[in-house]
Amino acid sequence: MAQADVLLSTDDRLLRNASRHQGVIGIVVDNPVTWLMNVLQA
Protein backbone atom coordinates (compact mmCIF):
# COMPACT_ATOMS: atom_id res chain seq x y z
CA MET A 1 0.00 0.00 0.00
CA ALA A 2 1.30 3.44 -0.91
CA GLN A 3 1.67 6.13 1.72
CA ALA A 4 1.95 9.88 1.33
CA ASP A 5 3.48 12.48 3.62
CA VAL A 6 1.41 15.40 2.37
CA LEU A 7 -1.75 16.06 0.35
CA LEU A 8 -1.62 19.25 -1.70
CA SER A 9 -4.87 20.94 -2.65
CA THR A 10 -6.13 24.33 -3.76
CA ASP A 11 -9.65 23.59 -2.48
CA ASP A 12 -10.21 26.03 0.41
CA ARG A 13 -13.08 24.00 1.87
CA LEU A 14 -10.95 20.85 1.92
CA LEU A 15 -8.06 22.73 3.55
CA ARG A 16 -10.33 24.16 6.28
CA ASN A 17 -11.92 20.79 7.02
CA ALA A 18 -8.55 19.04 7.04
CA SER A 19 -7.12 21.55 9.52
CA ARG A 20 -10.12 20.99 11.83
CA HIS A 21 -9.68 17.20 11.71
CA GLN A 22 -5.89 17.05 11.48
CA GLY A 23 -5.51 14.42 14.21
CA VAL A 24 -8.08 12.12 12.65
CA ILE A 25 -6.81 12.06 9.07
CA GLY A 26 -3.15 11.55 9.97
CA ILE A 27 -1.69 13.38 6.97
CA VAL A 28 -0.61 16.96 6.34
CA VAL A 29 -2.96 18.79 3.99
CA ASP A 30 -1.62 22.05 2.60
CA ASN A 31 -1.88 24.55 -0.21
CA PRO A 32 0.77 23.82 -2.88
CA VAL A 33 2.16 27.37 -2.84
CA THR A 34 2.39 27.47 0.97
CA TRP A 35 3.95 24.02 1.07
CA LEU A 36 6.56 24.91 -1.57
CA MET A 37 7.53 28.12 0.23
CA ASN A 38 8.01 26.15 3.47
CA VAL A 39 10.05 23.45 1.73
CA LEU A 40 12.32 25.97 0.03
CA GLN A 41 12.93 27.83 3.31
CA ALA A 42 13.96 24.65 5.14
PDB file of N, CA and C in Angstrom:
ATOM      1  N   MET A   1       0.836  -1.161   0.000  1.00  0.00           N
ATOM      2  CA  MET A   1       0.000   0.000   0.000  1.00  0.00           C
ATOM      3  C   MET A   1       0.891   1.237   0.000  1.00  0.00           C
ATOM      4  N   ALA A   2       0.534   2.195  -0.830  1.00  0.00           N
ATOM      5  CA  ALA A   2       1.299   3.438  -0.908  1.00  0.00           C
ATOM      6  C   ALA A   2       0.935   4.362   0.248  1.00  0.00           C
ATOM      7  N   GLN A   3       1.897   5.145   0.667  1.00  0.00           N
ATOM      8  CA  GLN A   3       1.666   6.128   1.721  1.00  0.00           C
ATOM      9  C   GLN A   3       2.190   7.474   1.255  1.00  0.00           C
ATOM     10  N   ALA A   4       1.537   8.521   1.685  1.00  0.00           N
ATOM     11  CA  ALA A   4       1.947   9.880   1.325  1.00  0.00           C
ATOM     12  C   ALA A   4       2.252  10.659   2.594  1.00  0.00           C
ATOM     13  N   ASP A   5       3.146  11.611   2.487  1.00  0.00           N
ATOM     14  CA  ASP A   5       3.481  12.475   3.618  1.00  0.00           C
ATOM     15  C   ASP A   5       2.625  13.731   3.638  1.00  0.00           C
ATOM     16  N   VAL A   6       2.170  14.148   2.462  1.00  0.00           N
ATOM     17  CA  VAL A   6       1.413  15.400   2.367  1.00  0.00           C
ATOM     18  C   VAL A   6       0.415  15.299   1.217  1.00  0.00           C
ATOM     19  N   LEU A   7      -0.732  15.941   1.394  1.00  0.00           N
ATOM     20  CA  LEU A   7      -1.747  16.059   0.350  1.00  0.00           C
ATOM     21  C   LEU A   7      -1.828  17.533  -0.002  1.00  0.00           C
ATOM     22  N   LEU A   8      -1.580  17.865  -1.258  1.00  0.00           N
ATOM     23  CA  LEU A   8      -1.616  19.250  -1.697  1.00  0.00           C
ATOM     24  C   LEU A   8      -2.932  19.508  -2.416  1.00  0.00           C
ATOM     25  N   SER A   9      -3.580  20.614  -2.054  1.00  0.00           N
ATOM     26  CA  SER A   9      -4.873  20.940  -2.647  1.00  0.00           C
ATOM     27  C   SER A   9      -5.059  22.447  -2.673  1.00  0.00           C
ATOM     28  N   THR A  10      -5.768  22.918  -3.682  1.00  0.00           N
ATOM     29  CA  THR A  10      -6.127  24.332  -3.756  1.00  0.00           C
ATOM     30  C   THR A  10      -7.572  24.551  -3.327  1.00  0.00           C
ATOM     31  N   ASP A  11      -8.253  23.518  -2.906  1.00  0.00           N
ATOM     32  CA  ASP A  11      -9.646  23.590  -2.476  1.00  0.00           C
ATOM     33  C   ASP A  11      -9.705  24.138  -1.050  1.00  0.00           C
ATOM     34  N   ASP A  12     -10.178  25.377  -0.905  1.00  0.00           N
ATOM     35  CA  ASP A  12     -10.206  26.027   0.409  1.00  0.00           C
ATOM     36  C   ASP A  12     -11.085  25.284   1.406  1.00  0.00           C
ATOM     37  N   ARG A  13     -12.190  24.735   0.961  1.00  0.00           N
ATOM     38  CA  ARG A  13     -13.077  24.000   1.870  1.00  0.00           C
ATOM     39  C   ARG A  13     -12.377  22.746   2.390  1.00  0.00           C
ATOM     40  N   LEU A  14     -11.697  22.044   1.512  1.00  0.00           N
ATOM     41  CA  LEU A  14     -10.948  20.855   1.919  1.00  0.00           C
ATOM     42  C   LEU A  14      -9.847  21.227   2.917  1.00  0.00           C
ATOM     43  N   LEU A  15      -9.135  22.307   2.658  1.00  0.00           N
ATOM     44  CA  LEU A  15      -8.056  22.734   3.551  1.00  0.00           C
ATOM     45  C   LEU A  15      -8.591  23.102   4.930  1.00  0.00           C
ATOM     46  N   ARG A  16      -9.727  23.805   4.977  1.00  0.00           N
ATOM     47  CA  ARG A  16     -10.327  24.163   6.276  1.00  0.00           C
ATOM     48  C   ARG A  16     -10.765  22.922   7.037  1.00  0.00           C
ATOM     49  N   ASN A  17     -11.457  22.011   6.355  1.00  0.00           N
ATOM     50  CA  ASN A  17     -11.923  20.787   7.021  1.00  0.00           C
ATOM     51  C   ASN A  17     -10.753  19.925   7.481  1.00  0.00           C
ATOM     52  N   ALA A  18      -9.722  19.849   6.681  1.00  0.00           N
ATOM     53  CA  ALA A  18      -8.554  19.044   7.045  1.00  0.00           C
ATOM     54  C   ALA A  18      -7.850  19.625   8.264  1.00  0.00           C
ATOM     55  N   SER A  19      -7.788  20.952   8.358  1.00  0.00           N
ATOM     56  CA  SER A  19      -7.124  21.547   9.522  1.00  0.00           C
ATOM     57  C   SER A  19      -7.949  21.315  10.785  1.00  0.00           C
ATOM     58  N   ARG A  20      -9.272  21.270  10.667  1.00  0.00           N
ATOM     59  CA  ARG A  20     -10.125  20.992  11.827  1.00  0.00           C
ATOM     60  C   ARG A  20      -9.968  19.562  12.316  1.00  0.00           C
ATOM     61  N   HIS A  21      -9.727  18.631  11.391  1.00  0.00           N
ATOM     62  CA  HIS A  21      -9.677  17.201  11.715  1.00  0.00           C
ATOM     63  C   HIS A  21      -8.284  16.629  11.506  1.00  0.00           C
ATOM     64  N   GLN A  22      -7.273  17.431  11.747  1.00  0.00           N
ATOM     65  CA  GLN A  22      -5.889  17.047  11.477  1.00  0.00           C
ATOM     66  C   GLN A  22      -5.480  15.770  12.204  1.00  0.00           C
ATOM     67  N   GLY A  23      -5.886  15.603  13.447  1.00  0.00           N
ATOM     68  CA  GLY A  23      -5.505  14.422  14.211  1.00  0.00           C
ATOM     69  C   GLY A  23      -6.159  13.152  13.704  1.00  0.00           C
ATOM     70  N   VAL A  24      -7.335  13.279  13.118  1.00  0.00           N
ATOM     71  CA  VAL A  24      -8.084  12.116  12.649  1.00  0.00           C
ATOM     72  C   VAL A  24      -7.537  11.594  11.324  1.00  0.00           C
ATOM     73  N   ILE A  25      -7.209  12.505  10.408  1.00  0.00           N
ATOM     74  CA  ILE A  25      -6.813  12.056   9.070  1.00  0.00           C
ATOM     75  C   ILE A  25      -5.364  11.573   8.996  1.00  0.00           C
ATOM     76  N   GLY A  26      -4.518  12.067   9.877  1.00  0.00           N
ATOM     77  CA  GLY A  26      -3.153  11.554   9.965  1.00  0.00           C
ATOM     78  C   GLY A  26      -2.247  11.895   8.800  1.00  0.00           C
ATOM     79  N   ILE A  27      -2.559  12.945   8.062  1.00  0.00           N
ATOM     80  CA  ILE A  27      -1.689  13.382   6.968  1.00  0.00           C
ATOM     81  C   ILE A  27      -1.736  14.905   6.918  1.00  0.00           C
ATOM     82  N   VAL A  28      -0.662  15.505   6.482  1.00  0.00           N
ATOM     83  CA  VAL A  28      -0.606  16.958   6.342  1.00  0.00           C
ATOM     84  C   VAL A  28      -1.328  17.337   5.056  1.00  0.00           C
ATOM     85  N   VAL A  29      -2.251  18.268   5.155  1.00  0.00           N
ATOM     86  CA  VAL A  29      -2.962  18.792   3.990  1.00  0.00           C
ATOM     87  C   VAL A  29      -2.613  20.263   3.892  1.00  0.00           C
ATOM     88  N   ASP A  30      -2.107  20.681   2.731  1.00  0.00           N
ATOM     89  CA  ASP A  30      -1.616  22.048   2.602  1.00  0.00           C
ATOM     90  C   ASP A  30      -1.862  22.565   1.195  1.00  0.00           C
ATOM     91  N   ASN A  31      -1.806  23.886   1.080  1.00  0.00           N
ATOM     92  CA  ASN A  31      -1.881  24.546  -0.211  1.00  0.00           C
ATOM     93  C   ASN A  31      -0.528  24.354  -0.906  1.00  0.00           C
ATOM     94  N   PRO A  32      -0.510  24.075  -2.198  1.00  0.00           N
ATOM     95  CA  PRO A  32       0.770  23.820  -2.882  1.00  0.00           C
ATOM     96  C   PRO A  32       1.759  24.987  -2.796  1.00  0.00           C
ATOM     97  N   VAL A  33       1.269  26.207  -2.892  1.00  0.00           N
ATOM     98  CA  VAL A  33       2.164  27.369  -2.838  1.00  0.00           C
ATOM     99  C   VAL A  33       2.761  27.514  -1.441  1.00  0.00           C
ATOM    100  N   THR A  34       1.926  27.387  -0.412  1.00  0.00           N
ATOM    101  CA  THR A  34       2.393  27.474   0.968  1.00  0.00           C
ATOM    102  C   THR A  34       3.384  26.364   1.270  1.00  0.00           C
ATOM    103  N   TRP A  35       3.076  25.171   0.831  1.00  0.00           N
ATOM    104  CA  TRP A  35       3.948  24.018   1.068  1.00  0.00           C
ATOM    105  C   TRP A  35       5.313  24.233   0.404  1.00  0.00           C
ATOM    106  N   LEU A  36       5.300  24.702  -0.845  1.00  0.00           N
ATOM    107  CA  LEU A  36       6.557  24.909  -1.565  1.00  0.00           C
ATOM    108  C   LEU A  36       7.401  25.995  -0.901  1.00  0.00           C
ATOM    109  N   MET A  37       6.769  27.066  -0.468  1.00  0.00           N
ATOM    110  CA  MET A  37       7.526  28.119   0.230  1.00  0.00           C
ATOM    111  C   MET A  37       8.170  27.577   1.488  1.00  0.00           C
ATOM    112  N   ASN A  38       7.446  26.749   2.247  1.00  0.00           N
ATOM    113  CA  ASN A  38       8.006  26.154   3.472  1.00  0.00           C
ATOM    114  C   ASN A  38       9.137  25.186   3.164  1.00  0.00           C
ATOM    115  N   VAL A  39       9.009  24.410   2.108  1.00  0.00           N
ATOM    116  CA  VAL A  39      10.054  23.452   1.731  1.00  0.00           C
ATOM    117  C   VAL A  39      11.318  24.189   1.284  1.00  0.00           C
ATOM    118  N   LEU A  40      11.154  25.244   0.508  1.00  0.00           N
ATOM    119  CA  LEU A  40      12.317  25.969   0.027  1.00  0.00           C
ATOM    120  C   LEU A  40      13.023  26.746   1.134  1.00  0.00           C
ATOM    121  N   GLN A  41      12.310  27.117   2.185  1.00  0.00           N
ATOM    122  CA  GLN A  41      12.927  27.830   3.311  1.00  0.00           C
ATOM    123  C   GLN A  41      13.690  26.882   4.228  1.00  0.00           C
ATOM    124  N   ALA A  42      13.322  25.612   4.227  1.00  0.00           N
ATOM    125  CA  ALA A  42      13.959  24.649   5.136  1.00  0.00           C
ATOM    126  C   ALA A  42      15.348  24.279   4.683  1.00  0.00           C
TER     127      ALA A  42
END
